[in-house]
């Protein structure tokens, strides 16, 4: 903190240290970010912390690195709200062939259980 850091992250399953650090530093210009919370989905908690950090306007996020090796893909979205453009996503290009005798299972890159 005395070197100018104003954003602190607690990486762990429950924010135990952050309340103590807040009390110790007692600085309104300091931002506290926690990554996980008991009984909350891990991915959502992490994304909410990253969102708060980015909304503070002090950093950027390497989205390509965040989603690397997850098999997802991106699609362009219209920059103008009334641009009539279909945003439907077809089957995943990384879908694996089912074992012999089984039907293929359709997954969606944003909504399958592996990403949330």
N, C-alpha and C. Protein backbone atom coordinates (compact mmCIF):
# COMPACT_ATOMS: atom_id res chain seq x y z
N UNK A 1 0.83 -1.19 0.00
CA UNK A 1 0.00 0.00 0.00
C UNK A 1 0.87 1.25 0.00
N UNK A 2 1.94 1.24 0.75
CA UNK A 2 2.80 2.42 0.79
C UNK A 2 3.58 2.62 -0.51
N UNK A 3 3.55 1.65 -1.43
CA UNK A 3 4.18 1.80 -2.74
C UNK A 3 3.17 2.25 -3.80
N UNK A 4 1.95 2.54 -3.40
CA UNK A 4 0.95 3.06 -4.33
C UNK A 4 -0.11 2.09 -4.78
N UNK A 5 -0.05 0.84 -4.36
CA UNK A 5 -1.07 -0.13 -4.76
C UNK A 5 -2.41 0.25 -4.14
N UNK A 6 -3.47 0.21 -4.96
CA UNK A 6 -4.79 0.57 -4.47
C UNK A 6 -5.83 -0.52 -4.73
N UNK A 7 -5.42 -1.60 -5.36
CA UNK A 7 -6.32 -2.73 -5.62
C UNK A 7 -5.69 -3.98 -5.03
N UNK A 8 -6.43 -4.64 -4.14
CA UNK A 8 -5.93 -5.83 -3.48
C UNK A 8 -6.92 -6.98 -3.72
N UNK A 9 -6.37 -8.16 -3.99
CA UNK A 9 -7.16 -9.35 -4.28
C UNK A 9 -6.94 -10.39 -3.21
N UNK A 10 -8.01 -10.97 -2.71
CA UNK A 10 -7.91 -12.13 -1.84
C UNK A 10 -8.31 -13.35 -2.66
N UNK A 11 -7.33 -14.21 -2.87
CA UNK A 11 -7.55 -15.42 -3.66
C UNK A 11 -7.78 -16.56 -2.68
N UNK A 12 -8.99 -17.04 -2.60
CA UNK A 12 -9.27 -18.12 -1.67
C UNK A 12 -10.74 -18.46 -1.64
N UNK A 13 -11.09 -19.53 -0.91
CA UNK A 13 -12.46 -20.03 -0.92
C UNK A 13 -13.46 -19.17 -0.15
N UNK A 14 -13.00 -18.26 0.66
CA UNK A 14 -13.89 -17.41 1.44
C UNK A 14 -13.08 -16.18 1.86
N UNK A 15 -13.64 -14.98 1.73
CA UNK A 15 -12.87 -13.78 2.11
C UNK A 15 -12.74 -13.62 3.63
N UNK A 16 -11.66 -14.16 4.18
CA UNK A 16 -11.42 -14.06 5.62
C UNK A 16 -10.50 -12.89 5.96
N UNK A 17 -9.53 -12.60 5.10
CA UNK A 17 -8.53 -11.58 5.41
C UNK A 17 -8.94 -10.18 5.00
N UNK A 18 -9.78 -10.06 3.99
CA UNK A 18 -10.17 -8.75 3.48
C UNK A 18 -10.78 -7.84 4.54
N UNK A 19 -11.72 -8.30 5.38
CA UNK A 19 -12.27 -7.41 6.40
C UNK A 19 -11.20 -6.87 7.36
N UNK A 20 -10.24 -7.70 7.70
CA UNK A 20 -9.17 -7.26 8.60
C UNK A 20 -8.26 -6.24 7.92
N UNK A 21 -7.94 -6.49 6.67
CA UNK A 21 -7.09 -5.55 5.92
C UNK A 21 -7.79 -4.21 5.73
N UNK A 22 -9.09 -4.23 5.44
CA UNK A 22 -9.85 -2.99 5.30
C UNK A 22 -9.77 -2.16 6.58
N UNK A 23 -9.95 -2.83 7.71
CA UNK A 23 -9.91 -2.13 8.99
C UNK A 23 -8.51 -1.57 9.26
N UNK A 24 -7.50 -2.34 8.92
CA UNK A 24 -6.12 -1.92 9.18
C UNK A 24 -5.74 -0.72 8.33
N UNK A 25 -6.04 -0.76 7.04
CA UNK A 25 -5.64 0.34 6.15
C UNK A 25 -6.60 1.52 6.22
N UNK A 26 -7.89 1.26 6.33
CA UNK A 26 -8.90 2.31 6.46
C UNK A 26 -8.67 3.45 5.47
N UNK A 27 -8.55 3.09 4.18
CA UNK A 27 -8.28 4.07 3.13
C UNK A 27 -9.41 4.01 2.11
N UNK A 28 -10.18 5.08 1.93
CA UNK A 28 -11.32 5.04 0.99
C UNK A 28 -10.90 4.94 -0.48
N UNK A 29 -9.64 5.16 -0.80
CA UNK A 29 -9.19 5.05 -2.20
C UNK A 29 -8.72 3.63 -2.53
N UNK A 30 -8.75 2.75 -1.55
CA UNK A 30 -8.31 1.37 -1.76
C UNK A 30 -9.51 0.50 -2.12
N UNK A 31 -9.32 -0.38 -3.11
CA UNK A 31 -10.37 -1.29 -3.57
C UNK A 31 -10.00 -2.72 -3.18
N UNK A 32 -10.99 -3.45 -2.69
CA UNK A 32 -10.78 -4.82 -2.24
C UNK A 32 -11.57 -5.76 -3.13
N UNK A 33 -10.91 -6.78 -3.65
CA UNK A 33 -11.54 -7.75 -4.55
C UNK A 33 -11.36 -9.14 -3.96
N UNK A 34 -12.45 -9.86 -3.84
CA UNK A 34 -12.40 -11.25 -3.37
C UNK A 34 -12.84 -12.15 -4.52
N UNK A 35 -12.30 -13.34 -4.56
CA UNK A 35 -12.56 -14.19 -5.73
C UNK A 35 -13.65 -15.23 -5.51
N UNK A 36 -13.76 -15.79 -4.35
CA UNK A 36 -14.73 -16.86 -4.13
C UNK A 36 -15.53 -16.59 -2.87
N UNK A 37 -16.77 -17.08 -2.87
CA UNK A 37 -17.64 -16.92 -1.70
C UNK A 37 -18.37 -18.23 -1.46
N UNK A 38 -18.48 -18.60 -0.21
CA UNK A 38 -19.15 -19.85 0.16
C UNK A 38 -20.58 -19.86 -0.37
N UNK A 39 -20.99 -21.00 -0.92
CA UNK A 39 -22.35 -21.22 -1.44
C UNK A 39 -22.70 -20.34 -2.64
N UNK A 40 -21.71 -19.87 -3.38
CA UNK A 40 -21.93 -19.11 -4.62
C UNK A 40 -21.15 -19.80 -5.73
N UNK A 41 -21.68 -19.81 -6.95
CA UNK A 41 -20.95 -20.43 -8.06
C UNK A 41 -19.58 -19.77 -8.24
N UNK A 42 -18.53 -20.59 -8.33
CA UNK A 42 -17.17 -20.08 -8.39
C UNK A 42 -16.93 -19.17 -9.59
N UNK A 43 -17.34 -19.61 -10.77
CA UNK A 43 -17.09 -18.84 -11.99
C UNK A 43 -17.78 -17.48 -11.91
N UNK A 44 -19.02 -17.46 -11.45
CA UNK A 44 -19.76 -16.20 -11.35
C UNK A 44 -19.10 -15.25 -10.34
N UNK A 45 -18.68 -15.76 -9.19
CA UNK A 45 -18.02 -14.92 -8.18
C UNK A 45 -16.74 -14.30 -8.73
N UNK A 46 -15.97 -15.11 -9.44
CA UNK A 46 -14.73 -14.61 -10.02
C UNK A 46 -15.02 -13.52 -11.05
N UNK A 47 -15.99 -13.78 -11.94
CA UNK A 47 -16.33 -12.79 -12.96
C UNK A 47 -16.87 -11.49 -12.35
N UNK A 48 -17.62 -11.58 -11.26
CA UNK A 48 -18.12 -10.38 -10.61
C UNK A 48 -16.97 -9.56 -10.03
N UNK A 49 -15.97 -10.21 -9.50
CA UNK A 49 -14.81 -9.50 -8.98
C UNK A 49 -14.02 -8.84 -10.10
N UNK A 50 -13.85 -9.55 -11.19
CA UNK A 50 -13.15 -8.99 -12.35
C UNK A 50 -13.95 -7.81 -12.90
N UNK A 51 -15.27 -7.94 -12.94
CA UNK A 51 -16.13 -6.86 -13.41
C UNK A 51 -15.95 -5.60 -12.56
N UNK A 52 -15.92 -5.75 -11.24
CA UNK A 52 -15.73 -4.61 -10.35
C UNK A 52 -14.39 -3.95 -10.60
N UNK A 53 -13.36 -4.76 -10.81
CA UNK A 53 -12.02 -4.23 -11.09
C UNK A 53 -12.02 -3.44 -12.40
N UNK A 54 -12.62 -4.00 -13.44
CA UNK A 54 -12.64 -3.32 -14.74
C UNK A 54 -13.50 -2.06 -14.69
N UNK A 55 -14.61 -2.10 -13.96
CA UNK A 55 -15.47 -0.93 -13.84
C UNK A 55 -14.81 0.21 -13.08
N UNK A 56 -13.79 -0.11 -12.29
CA UNK A 56 -13.05 0.94 -11.59
C UNK A 56 -12.16 1.71 -12.57
N UNK A 57 -11.99 1.17 -13.78
CA UNK A 57 -11.26 1.86 -14.83
C UNK A 57 -9.75 1.87 -14.68
N UNK A 58 -9.20 0.89 -14.01
CA UNK A 58 -7.76 0.90 -13.77
C UNK A 58 -6.99 -0.17 -14.53
N UNK A 59 -7.68 -1.07 -15.17
CA UNK A 59 -6.96 -2.15 -15.83
C UNK A 59 -7.71 -2.69 -17.02
N UNK A 60 -7.06 -3.60 -17.69
CA UNK A 60 -7.66 -4.28 -18.83
C UNK A 60 -7.55 -5.78 -18.59
N UNK A 61 -8.33 -6.52 -19.33
CA UNK A 61 -8.32 -7.97 -19.19
C UNK A 61 -8.01 -8.59 -20.54
N UNK A 62 -7.14 -9.56 -20.55
CA UNK A 62 -6.81 -10.30 -21.76
C UNK A 62 -7.86 -11.40 -21.94
N UNK A 63 -8.95 -11.07 -22.66
CA UNK A 63 -10.06 -12.00 -22.82
C UNK A 63 -9.65 -13.27 -23.54
N UNK A 64 -8.74 -13.15 -24.50
CA UNK A 64 -8.29 -14.35 -25.22
C UNK A 64 -7.62 -15.33 -24.25
N UNK A 65 -6.81 -14.81 -23.34
CA UNK A 65 -6.15 -15.69 -22.36
C UNK A 65 -7.16 -16.28 -21.38
N UNK A 66 -8.16 -15.50 -21.00
CA UNK A 66 -9.17 -15.99 -20.06
C UNK A 66 -9.94 -17.18 -20.63
N UNK A 67 -10.22 -17.15 -21.92
CA UNK A 67 -11.02 -18.21 -22.55
C UNK A 67 -10.19 -19.22 -23.32
N UNK A 68 -8.88 -19.13 -23.22
CA UNK A 68 -8.01 -20.05 -23.95
C UNK A 68 -8.27 -21.50 -23.54
N UNK A 69 -8.23 -22.38 -24.50
CA UNK A 69 -8.36 -23.82 -24.29
C UNK A 69 -9.69 -24.25 -23.69
N UNK A 70 -10.72 -23.44 -23.82
CA UNK A 70 -12.04 -23.82 -23.31
C UNK A 70 -12.96 -24.29 -24.44
N UNK A 71 -12.50 -24.21 -25.68
CA UNK A 71 -13.30 -24.70 -26.79
C UNK A 71 -14.41 -23.76 -27.20
N UNK A 72 -14.47 -22.58 -26.65
CA UNK A 72 -15.51 -21.62 -27.01
C UNK A 72 -15.13 -20.84 -28.25
N UNK A 73 -16.04 -20.03 -28.69
CA UNK A 73 -15.78 -19.17 -29.84
C UNK A 73 -16.57 -17.89 -29.68
N UNK A 74 -16.18 -16.90 -30.38
CA UNK A 74 -16.87 -15.62 -30.30
C UNK A 74 -17.60 -15.35 -31.60
N UNK A 75 -18.62 -14.52 -31.51
CA UNK A 75 -19.32 -14.08 -32.70
C UNK A 75 -19.40 -12.56 -32.64
N UNK A 76 -19.37 -11.89 -33.78
CA UNK A 76 -19.50 -10.43 -33.75
C UNK A 76 -20.94 -10.04 -33.42
N UNK A 77 -21.08 -8.99 -32.67
CA UNK A 77 -22.41 -8.48 -32.35
C UNK A 77 -22.55 -7.10 -32.98
N UNK A 78 -23.78 -6.71 -33.32
CA UNK A 78 -23.95 -5.41 -33.97
C UNK A 78 -23.58 -4.27 -33.02
N UNK A 79 -22.93 -3.26 -33.54
CA UNK A 79 -22.57 -2.10 -32.74
C UNK A 79 -23.71 -1.10 -32.63
N UNK A 80 -24.71 -1.25 -33.47
CA UNK A 80 -25.86 -0.36 -33.49
C UNK A 80 -27.06 -1.16 -32.98
N UNK A 81 -27.81 -0.67 -31.99
CA UNK A 81 -28.85 -1.49 -31.36
C UNK A 81 -29.98 -1.93 -32.28
N UNK A 82 -30.23 -1.21 -33.39
CA UNK A 82 -31.34 -1.57 -34.24
C UNK A 82 -30.89 -2.28 -35.52
N UNK A 83 -29.63 -2.67 -35.58
CA UNK A 83 -29.15 -3.42 -36.73
C UNK A 83 -29.78 -4.81 -36.66
N UNK A 84 -30.56 -5.14 -37.62
CA UNK A 84 -31.24 -6.44 -37.63
C UNK A 84 -30.26 -7.49 -38.10
N UNK A 85 -29.79 -8.29 -37.13
CA UNK A 85 -28.79 -9.30 -37.44
C UNK A 85 -29.04 -10.51 -36.55
N UNK A 86 -29.03 -11.69 -37.14
CA UNK A 86 -29.22 -12.91 -36.36
C UNK A 86 -27.96 -13.18 -35.54
N UNK A 87 -28.17 -13.49 -34.27
CA UNK A 87 -27.04 -13.80 -33.40
C UNK A 87 -27.04 -15.25 -32.96
N UNK A 88 -27.78 -16.10 -33.68
CA UNK A 88 -27.82 -17.50 -33.30
C UNK A 88 -26.47 -18.15 -33.54
N UNK A 89 -26.15 -19.09 -32.69
CA UNK A 89 -24.88 -19.78 -32.77
C UNK A 89 -25.13 -21.21 -33.19
N UNK A 90 -24.44 -21.68 -34.19
CA UNK A 90 -24.59 -23.06 -34.66
C UNK A 90 -23.89 -24.04 -33.74
N UNK A 91 -23.87 -25.30 -34.12
CA UNK A 91 -23.20 -26.31 -33.29
C UNK A 91 -21.72 -25.98 -33.12
N UNK A 92 -21.18 -26.36 -32.01
CA UNK A 92 -19.78 -26.10 -31.70
C UNK A 92 -18.88 -26.80 -32.70
N UNK A 93 -17.84 -26.09 -33.13
CA UNK A 93 -16.88 -26.68 -34.05
C UNK A 93 -15.97 -27.67 -33.35
N UNK A 94 -15.95 -27.63 -32.03
CA UNK A 94 -15.07 -28.52 -31.28
C UNK A 94 -15.82 -29.73 -30.72
N UNK A 95 -17.04 -29.94 -31.19
CA UNK A 95 -17.82 -31.08 -30.70
C UNK A 95 -17.10 -32.38 -31.03
N UNK A 96 -17.11 -33.29 -30.08
CA UNK A 96 -16.45 -34.57 -30.27
C UNK A 96 -17.46 -35.58 -30.78
N UNK A 97 -17.00 -36.50 -31.56
CA UNK A 97 -17.87 -37.56 -32.06
C UNK A 97 -18.28 -38.45 -30.90
N UNK A 98 -19.57 -38.83 -30.85
CA UNK A 98 -20.01 -39.70 -29.75
C UNK A 98 -19.46 -41.11 -29.93
N UNK A 99 -19.39 -41.86 -28.85
CA UNK A 99 -18.96 -43.25 -28.95
C UNK A 99 -19.92 -44.01 -29.88
N UNK A 100 -19.46 -45.06 -30.50
CA UNK A 100 -20.32 -45.84 -31.40
C UNK A 100 -21.61 -46.26 -30.70
N UNK A 101 -22.74 -46.06 -31.36
CA UNK A 101 -24.03 -46.45 -30.84
C UNK A 101 -24.73 -45.38 -30.01
N UNK A 102 -24.07 -44.24 -29.76
CA UNK A 102 -24.69 -43.16 -28.99
C UNK A 102 -24.99 -41.98 -29.90
N UNK A 103 -26.03 -41.23 -29.53
CA UNK A 103 -26.41 -40.05 -30.29
C UNK A 103 -25.53 -38.87 -29.88
N UNK A 104 -25.24 -37.96 -30.83
CA UNK A 104 -24.45 -36.78 -30.45
C UNK A 104 -25.25 -35.88 -29.51
N UNK A 105 -24.56 -35.26 -28.58
CA UNK A 105 -25.18 -34.35 -27.63
C UNK A 105 -24.83 -32.93 -28.05
N UNK A 106 -25.87 -32.12 -28.27
CA UNK A 106 -25.66 -30.73 -28.64
C UNK A 106 -25.27 -29.95 -27.40
N UNK A 107 -24.18 -29.17 -27.49
CA UNK A 107 -23.80 -28.28 -26.38
C UNK A 107 -23.68 -26.89 -26.93
N UNK A 108 -23.78 -25.94 -26.07
CA UNK A 108 -23.64 -24.54 -26.44
C UNK A 108 -22.40 -24.02 -25.75
N UNK A 109 -21.50 -23.30 -26.45
CA UNK A 109 -20.23 -22.89 -25.85
C UNK A 109 -20.40 -21.95 -24.66
N UNK A 110 -21.50 -21.24 -24.55
CA UNK A 110 -21.67 -20.32 -23.42
C UNK A 110 -22.47 -20.91 -22.28
N UNK A 111 -23.30 -21.92 -22.58
CA UNK A 111 -24.25 -22.38 -21.57
C UNK A 111 -24.03 -23.81 -21.10
N UNK A 112 -23.02 -24.50 -21.57
CA UNK A 112 -22.82 -25.84 -21.04
C UNK A 112 -22.23 -25.73 -19.63
N UNK A 113 -22.35 -26.77 -18.85
CA UNK A 113 -21.97 -26.72 -17.44
C UNK A 113 -20.48 -26.53 -17.23
N UNK A 114 -19.67 -26.71 -18.25
CA UNK A 114 -18.23 -26.53 -18.09
C UNK A 114 -17.80 -25.07 -18.03
N UNK A 115 -18.67 -24.15 -18.46
CA UNK A 115 -18.27 -22.75 -18.49
C UNK A 115 -18.92 -21.92 -17.41
N UNK A 116 -19.87 -22.42 -16.68
CA UNK A 116 -20.53 -21.63 -15.63
C UNK A 116 -20.53 -22.38 -14.34
